[in-house]
Amino acid sequence: MRIIPAIDIIEGKCVSLTKGNFNTKKVYSENPLEMAKQFEAAGIEYLHLVDLDGAKAGEIINYKILELIATKTTLKIEFGGGLKTNEDLHIAFNSGAKQVIGGSIAVKNPNVFQGWINKYGSAKIILGADCDNGNVAISGWLEKSNEEVIPFIKAYQKKGIQYVICTDIYKDGMLEGPSLDLYKDIISQCSNSSNDQSIKLIASGGVSSIDDIINLQKIGCEAVIIGKALYENKIHLVDLESFY
């Protein structure tokens, strides 16, 4: 299973939020590049980079940090936060993103999101299906949509999406364990039972121990994003070496 550390950016700093609430911001590093280099030095290959300023503003903002990390490390970066237009996507890929994440756009403007899949291919576009009590949360989690998570994922699965990131907002930043039941349901209902390709589910939110990671691996998650548990030393980078 792929291990993907998270770096969330506000005002150029590496931060963590609890349940997506901007008022709970805690700064862990003034230098995201140095944090990324620590991950790389530990043997990590992937990075989840989120432009929280962009998510709030509805447009890409921290692309210079993306560019810096992409040029100064070998990390394969999945980038999200505020990507709404074709120009945003162009900037993200030109700045070094290997994959981009579309969440709000997939709800509010599905034609544009489908155009991204068609243009760049499903290996480069990740569907963000963050969950607020069963429904997809959008606009930096400030808004709850009417889309139910599993039907939403299945609809895009039929349109060719492969990679899906699902964060249970109520687990995010709580260090109380991930939403195993939710992920089991997604994996079982979106398995390759017809001509649709099975999704590659990336779990996010609540991870607090190596046992959590092992359990996610057992139920079939393709990858796991780890943020606060690393920054709060609940999980140490050396403990992750057996996974890669």
C-alpha atoms as a PDB file:
ATOM      1  CA  MET A   1       0.000   0.000   0.000  1.00  0.00           C
ATOM      2  CA  ARG A   2       1.250   3.452  -0.887  1.00  0.00           C
ATOM      3  CA  ILE A   3       2.093   5.746   2.016  1.00  0.00           C
ATOM      4  CA  ILE A   4       1.364   9.409   1.285  1.00  0.00           C
ATOM      5  CA  PRO A   5       2.327  12.019   3.889  1.00  0.00           C
ATOM      6  CA  ALA A   6       0.273  15.200   3.813  1.00  0.00           C
ATOM      7  CA  ILE A   7       1.410  18.794   3.734  1.00  0.00           C
ATOM      8  CA  ASP A   8      -1.431  21.306   4.069  1.00  0.00           C
ATOM      9  CA  ILE A   9      -0.515  24.897   3.230  1.00  0.00           C
ATOM     10  CA  ILE A  10      -1.869  28.134   4.691  1.00  0.00           C
ATOM     11  CA  GLU A  11       0.055  31.370   4.109  1.00  0.00           C
ATOM     12  CA  GLY A  12       3.091  29.382   2.997  1.00  0.00           C
ATOM     13  CA  LYS A  13       3.256  27.312   6.182  1.00  0.00           C
ATOM     14  CA  CYS A  14       2.724  23.624   6.889  1.00  0.00           C
ATOM     15  CA  VAL A  15      -0.393  23.347   9.050  1.00  0.00           C
ATOM     16  CA  SER A  16      -3.042  20.980  10.326  1.00  0.00           C
ATOM     17  CA  LEU A  17      -6.741  21.582  10.856  1.00  0.00           C
ATOM     18  CA  THR A  18      -9.272  19.615  12.885  1.00  0.00           C
ATOM     19  CA  LYS A  19     -12.404  18.582  10.974  1.00  0.00           C
ATOM     20  CA  GLY A  20     -11.422  21.102   8.308  1.00  0.00           C
ATOM     21  CA  ASN A  21     -12.087  24.048  10.619  1.00  0.00           C
ATOM     22  CA  PHE A  22      -9.740  26.916   9.732  1.00  0.00           C
ATOM     23  CA  ASN A  23     -10.057  28.264  13.280  1.00  0.00           C
ATOM     24  CA  THR A  24      -8.238  25.161  14.578  1.00  0.00           C
ATOM     25  CA  LYS A  25      -5.101  25.849  12.513  1.00  0.00           C
ATOM     26  CA  LYS A  26      -1.880  24.586  14.058  1.00  0.00           C
ATOM     27  CA  VAL A  27       1.442  25.413  12.392  1.00  0.00           C
ATOM     28  CA  TYR A  28       3.956  22.558  12.303  1.00  0.00           C
ATOM     29  CA  SER A  29       6.591  24.054  10.050  1.00  0.00           C
ATOM     30  CA  GLU A  30       7.409  27.409   8.519  1.00  0.00           C
ATOM     31  CA  ASN A  31       9.205  25.592   5.693  1.00  0.00           C
ATOM     32  CA  PRO A  32       7.174  23.031   3.695  1.00  0.00           C
ATOM     33  CA  LEU A  33      10.180  22.208   1.500  1.00  0.00           C
ATOM     34  CA  GLU A  34      12.229  21.071   4.489  1.00  0.00           C
ATOM     35  CA  MET A  35       9.322  18.920   5.635  1.00  0.00           C
ATOM     36  CA  ALA A  36       9.075  17.373   2.171  1.00  0.00           C
ATOM     37  CA  LYS A  37      12.822  16.707   2.179  1.00  0.00           C
ATOM     38  CA  GLN A  38      12.458  14.849   5.485  1.00  0.00           C
ATOM     39  CA  PHE A  39       9.847  12.598   3.901  1.00  0.00           C
ATOM     40  CA  GLU A  40      12.049  12.014   0.870  1.00  0.00           C
ATOM     41  CA  ALA A  41      15.092  11.213   3.047  1.00  0.00           C
ATOM     42  CA  ALA A  42      13.034   8.563   4.849  1.00  0.00           C
ATOM     43  CA  GLY A  43      12.325   6.778   1.563  1.00  0.00           C
ATOM     44  CA  ILE A  44       8.859   8.193   0.963  1.00  0.00           C
ATOM     45  CA  GLU A  45       7.953   8.480  -2.746  1.00  0.00           C
ATOM     46  CA  TYR A  46       4.623  10.305  -2.633  1.00  0.00           C
ATOM     47  CA  LEU A  47       3.242  13.542  -1.216  1.00  0.00           C
ATOM     48  CA  HIS A  48      -0.284  14.859  -0.706  1.00  0.00           C
ATOM     49  CA  LEU A  49      -0.057  18.649  -1.013  1.00  0.00           C
ATOM     50  CA  VAL A  50      -3.144  20.730  -0.315  1.00  0.00           C
ATOM     51  CA  ASP A  51      -3.505  24.437  -0.983  1.00  0.00           C
ATOM     52  CA  LEU A  52      -5.916  25.327   1.841  1.00  0.00           C
ATOM     53  CA  ASP A  53      -5.782  29.000   0.890  1.00  0.00           C
ATOM     54  CA  GLY A  54      -6.818  27.956  -2.584  1.00  0.00           C
ATOM     55  CA  ALA A  55      -9.612  25.727  -1.276  1.00  0.00           C
ATOM     56  CA  LYS A  56     -11.056  28.678   0.607  1.00  0.00           C
ATOM     57  CA  ALA A  57     -10.576  31.168  -2.225  1.00  0.00           C
ATOM     58  CA  GLY A  58     -11.754  28.875  -5.031  1.00  0.00           C
ATOM     59  CA  GLU A  59      -8.600  29.269  -7.112  1.00  0.00           C
ATOM     60  CA  ILE A  60      -5.037  27.977  -7.055  1.00  0.00           C
ATOM     61  CA  ILE A  61      -2.831  30.134  -4.821  1.00  0.00           C
ATOM     62  CA  ASN A  62       0.173  28.244  -3.436  1.00  0.00           C
ATOM     63  CA  TYR A  63       1.506  26.881  -6.721  1.00  0.00           C
ATOM     64  CA  LYS A  64       4.959  28.335  -6.040  1.00  0.00           C
ATOM     65  CA  ILE A  65       5.326  25.963  -3.087  1.00  0.00           C
ATOM     66  CA  LEU A  66       4.241  23.092  -5.322  1.00  0.00           C
ATOM     67  CA  GLU A  67       6.854  24.143  -7.863  1.00  0.00           C
ATOM     68  CA  LEU A  68       9.552  24.436  -5.197  1.00  0.00           C
ATOM     69  CA  ILE A  69       8.919  20.971  -3.756  1.00  0.00           C
ATOM     70  CA  ALA A  70       8.594  19.418  -7.212  1.00  0.00           C
ATOM     71  CA  THR A  71      11.927  20.859  -8.382  1.00  0.00           C
ATOM     72  CA  LYS A  72      13.883  20.287  -5.160  1.00  0.00           C
ATOM     73  CA  THR A  73      12.711  16.719  -4.405  1.00  0.00           C
ATOM     74  CA  THR A  74      11.837  13.580  -6.356  1.00  0.00           C
ATOM     75  CA  LEU A  75       8.476  13.196  -4.607  1.00  0.00           C
ATOM     76  CA  LYS A  76       5.460  12.371  -6.773  1.00  0.00           C
ATOM     77  CA  ILE A  77       2.968  15.043  -5.756  1.00  0.00           C
ATOM     78  CA  GLU A  78      -0.807  14.846  -5.789  1.00  0.00           C
ATOM     79  CA  PHE A  79      -2.086  18.405  -5.505  1.00  0.00           C
ATOM     80  CA  GLY A  80      -5.463  19.789  -4.559  1.00  0.00           C
ATOM     81  CA  GLY A  81      -7.252  22.806  -3.184  1.00  0.00           C
ATOM     82  CA  GLY A  82      -9.207  25.352  -5.184  1.00  0.00           C
ATOM     83  CA  LEU A  83      -8.744  23.810  -8.623  1.00  0.00           C
ATOM     84  CA  LYS A  84     -11.754  25.122 -10.533  1.00  0.00           C
ATOM     85  CA  THR A  85     -10.688  26.038 -14.061  1.00  0.00           C
ATOM     86  CA  ASN A  86      -8.678  24.629 -16.940  1.00  0.00           C
ATOM     87  CA  GLU A  87      -6.102  27.336 -16.229  1.00  0.00           C
ATOM     88  CA  ASP A  88      -5.785  26.185 -12.602  1.00  0.00           C
ATOM     89  CA  LEU A  89      -5.066  22.684 -13.849  1.00  0.00           C
ATOM     90  CA  HIS A  90      -2.548  23.956 -16.372  1.00  0.00           C
ATOM     91  CA  ILE A  91      -0.723  25.850 -13.606  1.00  0.00           C
ATOM     92  CA  ALA A  92      -0.741  22.818 -11.285  1.00  0.00           C
ATOM     93  CA  PHE A  93       0.714  20.447 -13.861  1.00  0.00           C
ATOM     94  CA  ASN A  94       3.226  23.038 -15.102  1.00  0.00           C
ATOM     95  CA  SER A  95       4.298  23.548 -11.474  1.00  0.00           C
ATOM     96  CA  GLY A  96       5.123  19.864 -11.098  1.00  0.00           C
ATOM     97  CA  ALA A  97       2.016  18.028  -9.907  1.00  0.00           C
ATOM     98  CA  LYS A  98       1.873  14.382 -11.008  1.00  0.00           C
ATOM     99  CA  GLN A  99      -1.805  14.138 -10.157  1.00  0.00           C
ATOM    100  CA  VAL A 100      -4.466  16.714  -9.294  1.00  0.00           C
ATOM    101  CA  ILE A 101      -7.514  16.396  -7.086  1.00  0.00           C
ATOM    102  CA  GLY A 102     -10.949  17.678  -8.051  1.00  0.00           C
ATOM    103  CA  GLY A 103     -13.659  17.726  -5.410  1.00  0.00           C
ATOM    104  CA  SER A 104     -15.925  20.755  -5.516  1.00  0.00           C
ATOM    105  CA  ILE A 105     -15.547  21.036  -9.276  1.00  0.00           C
ATOM    106  CA  ALA A 106     -16.754  17.445  -9.719  1.00  0.00           C
ATOM    107  CA  VAL A 107     -19.979  18.413  -7.929  1.00  0.00           C
ATOM    108  CA  LYS A 108     -20.536  21.938  -9.188  1.00  0.00           C
ATOM    109  CA  ASN A 109     -19.255  21.672 -12.747  1.00  0.00           C
ATOM    110  CA  PRO A 110     -19.105  18.021 -13.784  1.00  0.00           C
ATOM    111  CA  ASN A 111     -18.641  18.901 -17.455  1.00  0.00           C
ATOM    112  CA  VAL A 112     -15.370  20.685 -16.712  1.00  0.00           C
ATOM    113  CA  PHE A 113     -14.199  17.826 -14.479  1.00  0.00           C
ATOM    114  CA  GLN A 114     -15.083  15.268 -17.151  1.00  0.00           C
ATOM    115  CA  GLY A 115     -13.103  17.370 -19.608  1.00  0.00           C
ATOM    116  CA  TRP A 116     -10.049  17.062 -17.338  1.00  0.00           C
ATOM    117  CA  ILE A 117     -10.397  13.270 -17.300  1.00  0.00           C
ATOM    118  CA  ASN A 118     -10.719  13.214 -21.080  1.00  0.00           C
ATOM    119  CA  LYS A 119      -7.764  15.538 -21.658  1.00  0.00           C
ATOM    120  CA  TYR A 120      -5.240  14.295 -19.102  1.00  0.00           C
ATOM    121  CA  GLY A 121      -6.360  10.709 -18.553  1.00  0.00           C
ATOM    122  CA  SER A 122      -7.741   9.018 -15.471  1.00  0.00           C
ATOM    123  CA  ALA A 123      -4.269   8.260 -14.098  1.00  0.00           C
ATOM    124  CA  LYS A 124      -3.668  11.979 -13.542  1.00  0.00           C
ATOM    125  CA  ILE A 125      -7.046  13.061 -12.174  1.00  0.00           C
ATOM    126  CA  ILE A 126      -8.146  12.099  -8.644  1.00  0.00           C
ATOM    127  CA  LEU A 127     -11.766  12.407  -7.564  1.00  0.00           C
ATOM    128  CA  GLY A 128     -12.083  14.060  -4.177  1.00  0.00           C
ATOM    129  CA  ALA A 129     -15.112  12.584  -2.415  1.00  0.00           C
ATOM    130  CA  ASP A 130     -14.850  13.956   1.095  1.00  0.00           C
ATOM    131  CA  CYS A 131     -17.640  12.811   3.348  1.00  0.00           C
ATOM    132  CA  ASP A 132     -19.840  14.826   5.707  1.00  0.00           C
ATOM    133  CA  ASN A 133     -22.302  12.369   7.289  1.00  0.00           C
ATOM    134  CA  GLY A 134     -22.742  10.453   4.035  1.00  0.00           C
ATOM    135  CA  ASN A 135     -22.754  13.426   1.673  1.00  0.00           C
ATOM    136  CA  VAL A 136     -19.944  14.983  -0.348  1.00  0.00           C
ATOM    137  CA  ALA A 137     -18.461  18.111   1.262  1.00  0.00           C
ATOM    138  CA  ILE A 138     -17.206  20.912  -0.977  1.00  0.00           C
ATOM    139  CA  SER A 139     -15.694  24.412  -0.934  1.00  0.00           C
ATOM    140  CA  GLY A 140     -12.928  23.561   1.497  1.00  0.00           C
ATOM    141  CA  TRP A 141     -15.489  21.580   3.534  1.00  0.00           C
ATOM    142  CA  LEU A 142     -17.393  24.780   4.210  1.00  0.00           C
ATOM    143  CA  GLU A 143     -20.421  23.475   2.309  1.00  0.00           C
ATOM    144  CA  LYS A 144     -22.312  20.169   2.253  1.00  0.00           C
ATOM    145  CA  SER A 145     -23.673  19.050  -1.117  1.00  0.00           C
ATOM    146  CA  ASN A 146     -26.722  16.905  -1.850  1.00  0.00           C
ATOM    147  CA  GLU A 147     -24.529  14.229  -3.449  1.00  0.00           C
ATOM    148  CA  GLU A 148     -24.345  10.952  -1.537  1.00  0.00           C
ATOM    149  CA  VAL A 149     -20.773   9.699  -1.427  1.00  0.00           C
ATOM    150  CA  ILE A 150     -21.084   6.174  -2.846  1.00  0.00           C
ATOM    151  CA  PRO A 151     -23.465   6.971  -5.747  1.00  0.00           C
ATOM    152  CA  PHE A 152     -21.258   9.980  -6.508  1.00  0.00           C
ATOM    153  CA  ILE A 153     -18.153   7.779  -6.734  1.00  0.00           C
ATOM    154  CA  LYS A 154     -19.961   5.120  -8.767  1.00  0.00           C
ATOM    155  CA  ALA A 155     -21.181   7.704 -11.271  1.00  0.00           C
ATOM    156  CA  TYR A 156     -17.632   8.908 -11.909  1.00  0.00           C
ATOM    157  CA  GLN A 157     -16.366   5.340 -11.958  1.00  0.00           C
ATOM    158  CA  LYS A 158     -18.595   4.804 -14.983  1.00  0.00           C
ATOM    159  CA  LYS A 159     -17.022   7.899 -16.539  1.00  0.00           C
ATOM    160  CA  GLY A 160     -13.518   6.454 -16.203  1.00  0.00           C
ATOM    161  CA  ILE A 161     -12.221   7.711 -12.859  1.00  0.00           C
ATOM    162  CA  GLN A 162      -9.673   5.402 -11.204  1.00  0.00           C
ATOM    163  CA  TYR A 163      -8.331   7.219  -8.147  1.00  0.00           C
ATOM    164  CA  VAL A 164     -10.603   8.409  -5.344  1.00  0.00           C
ATOM    165  CA  ILE A 165      -9.616  10.188  -2.135  1.00  0.00           C
ATOM    166  CA  CYS A 166     -12.209   9.970   0.605  1.00  0.00           C
ATOM    167  CA  THR A 167     -11.840  11.838   3.881  1.00  0.00           C
ATOM    168  CA  ASP A 168     -14.428  11.452   6.607  1.00  0.00           C
ATOM    169  CA  ILE A 169     -14.509  15.027   7.912  1.00  0.00           C
ATOM    170  CA  TYR A 170     -15.545  13.928  11.392  1.00  0.00           C
ATOM    171  CA  LYS A 171     -12.375  11.833  11.618  1.00  0.00           C
ATOM    172  CA  ASP A 172     -10.011  14.433  10.166  1.00  0.00           C
ATOM    173  CA  GLY A 173      -7.370  15.576  12.617  1.00  0.00           C
ATOM    174  CA  MET A 174      -8.960  13.666  15.490  1.00  0.00           C
ATOM    175  CA  LEU A 175      -6.376  10.842  15.711  1.00  0.00           C
ATOM    176  CA  GLU A 176      -9.179   8.420  16.605  1.00  0.00           C
ATOM    177  CA  GLY A 177      -8.821   5.944  13.745  1.00  0.00           C
ATOM    178  CA  PRO A 178     -10.075   5.974  10.141  1.00  0.00           C
ATOM    179  CA  SER A 179     -13.590   5.243   8.855  1.00  0.00           C
ATOM    180  CA  LEU A 180     -13.064   1.565   8.096  1.00  0.00           C
ATOM    181  CA  ASP A 181     -16.770   0.805   7.629  1.00  0.00           C
ATOM    182  CA  LEU A 182     -17.176   3.653   5.138  1.00  0.00           C
ATOM    183  CA  TYR A 183     -14.162   2.475   3.144  1.00  0.00           C
ATOM    184  CA  LYS A 184     -15.360  -1.145   3.202  1.00  0.00           C
ATOM    185  CA  ASP A 185     -18.701  -0.008   1.771  1.00  0.00           C
ATOM    186  CA  ILE A 186     -17.053   2.047  -0.949  1.00  0.00           C
ATOM    187  CA  ILE A 187     -14.686  -0.749  -1.962  1.00  0.00           C
ATOM    188  CA  SER A 188     -17.399  -3.425  -1.985  1.00  0.00           C
ATOM    189  CA  GLN A 189     -19.912  -1.313  -3.921  1.00  0.00           C
ATOM    190  CA  CYS A 190     -17.367   0.018  -6.396  1.00  0.00           C
ATOM    191  CA  SER A 191     -15.590  -3.267  -7.084  1.00  0.00           C
ATOM    192  CA  ASN A 192     -15.242  -4.451 -10.659  1.00  0.00           C
ATOM    193  CA  SER A 193     -18.535  -6.282 -10.982  1.00  0.00           C
ATOM    194  CA  SER A 194     -19.216  -5.115 -14.532  1.00  0.00           C
ATOM    195  CA  ASN A 195     -17.168  -3.391 -17.210  1.00  0.00           C
ATOM    196  CA  ASP A 196     -16.238  -0.587 -14.824  1.00  0.00           C
ATOM    197  CA  GLN A 197     -12.665  -0.559 -13.600  1.00  0.00           C
ATOM    198  CA  SER A 198     -12.284  -1.040  -9.844  1.00  0.00           C
ATOM    199  CA  ILE A 199     -11.407   2.198  -8.119  1.00  0.00           C
ATOM    200  CA  LYS A 200      -8.159   2.789  -6.264  1.00  0.00           C
ATOM    201  CA  LEU A 201      -9.307   4.150  -2.929  1.00  0.00           C
ATOM    202  CA  ILE A 202      -7.010   6.507  -1.033  1.00  0.00           C
ATOM    203  CA  ALA A 203      -7.988   6.681   2.635  1.00  0.00           C
ATOM    204  CA  SER A 204      -7.578   9.939   4.526  1.00  0.00           C
ATOM    205  CA  GLY A 205      -8.472  11.157   7.993  1.00  0.00           C
ATOM    206  CA  GLY A 206      -8.150   9.774  11.495  1.00  0.00           C
ATOM    207  CA  VAL A 207      -5.054   7.610  11.001  1.00  0.00           C
ATOM    208  CA  SER A 208      -3.253   7.453  14.349  1.00  0.00           C
ATOM    209  CA  SER A 209      -1.228   4.223  14.434  1.00  0.00           C
ATOM    210  CA  ILE A 210       0.485   1.551  12.378  1.00  0.00           C
ATOM    211  CA  ASP A 211      -2.450  -0.740  13.187  1.00  0.00           C
ATOM    212  CA  ASP A 212      -4.760   1.726  11.420  1.00  0.00           C
ATOM    213  CA  ILE A 213      -2.593   1.486   8.314  1.00  0.00           C
ATOM    214  CA  ILE A 214      -2.532  -2.318   8.460  1.00  0.00           C
ATOM    215  CA  ASN A 215      -6.334  -2.398   8.778  1.00  0.00           C
ATOM    216  CA  LEU A 216      -6.749  -0.092   5.782  1.00  0.00           C
ATOM    217  CA  GLN A 217      -4.432  -2.314   3.798  1.00  0.00           C
ATOM    218  CA  LYS A 218      -6.439  -5.411   4.786  1.00  0.00           C
ATOM    219  CA  ILE A 219      -9.742  -4.011   3.535  1.00  0.00           C
ATOM    220  CA  GLY A 220      -8.227  -3.098   0.175  1.00  0.00           C
ATOM    221  CA  CYS A 221      -7.329   0.594   0.253  1.00  0.00           C
ATOM    222  CA  GLU A 222      -4.758   1.380  -2.436  1.00  0.00           C
ATOM    223  CA  ALA A 223      -3.077   4.127  -0.402  1.00  0.00           C
ATOM    224  CA  VAL A 224      -3.304   6.058   2.831  1.00  0.00           C
ATOM    225  CA  ILE A 225      -2.704   9.740   3.547  1.00  0.00           C
ATOM    226  CA  ILE A 226      -1.079  10.473   6.896  1.00  0.00           C
ATOM    227  CA  GLY A 227      -0.864  13.970   8.316  1.00  0.00           C
ATOM    228  CA  LYS A 228      -1.338  14.880  11.951  1.00  0.00           C
ATOM    229  CA  ALA A 229      -0.169  11.465  13.225  1.00  0.00           C
ATOM    230  CA  LEU A 230       3.269  12.175  11.757  1.00  0.00           C
ATOM    231  CA  TYR A 231       3.426  15.736  13.027  1.00  0.00           C
ATOM    232  CA  GLU A 232       2.291  14.722  16.526  1.00  0.00           C
ATOM    233  CA  ASN A 233       4.766  11.781  16.559  1.00  0.00           C
ATOM    234  CA  LYS A 234       2.028   9.169  16.879  1.00  0.00           C
ATOM    235  CA  ILE A 235       3.628   7.510  13.857  1.00  0.00           C
ATOM    236  CA  HIS A 236       7.329   7.794  13.058  1.00  0.00           C
ATOM    237  CA  LEU A 237       8.713   7.711   9.539  1.00  0.00           C
ATOM    238  CA  VAL A 238      10.971   4.783  10.396  1.00  0.00           C
ATOM    239  CA  ASP A 239       7.871   2.748  11.317  1.00  0.00           C
ATOM    240  CA  LEU A 240       6.556   3.102   7.776  1.00  0.00           C
ATOM    241  CA  GLU A 241       9.499   1.505   6.004  1.00  0.00           C
ATOM    242  CA  SER A 242       7.906  -1.942   5.889  1.00  0.00           C
ATOM    243  CA  PHE A 243       5.152  -0.566   3.624  1.00  0.00           C
ATOM    244  CA  TYR A 244       7.460   0.579   0.820  1.00  0.00           C
END
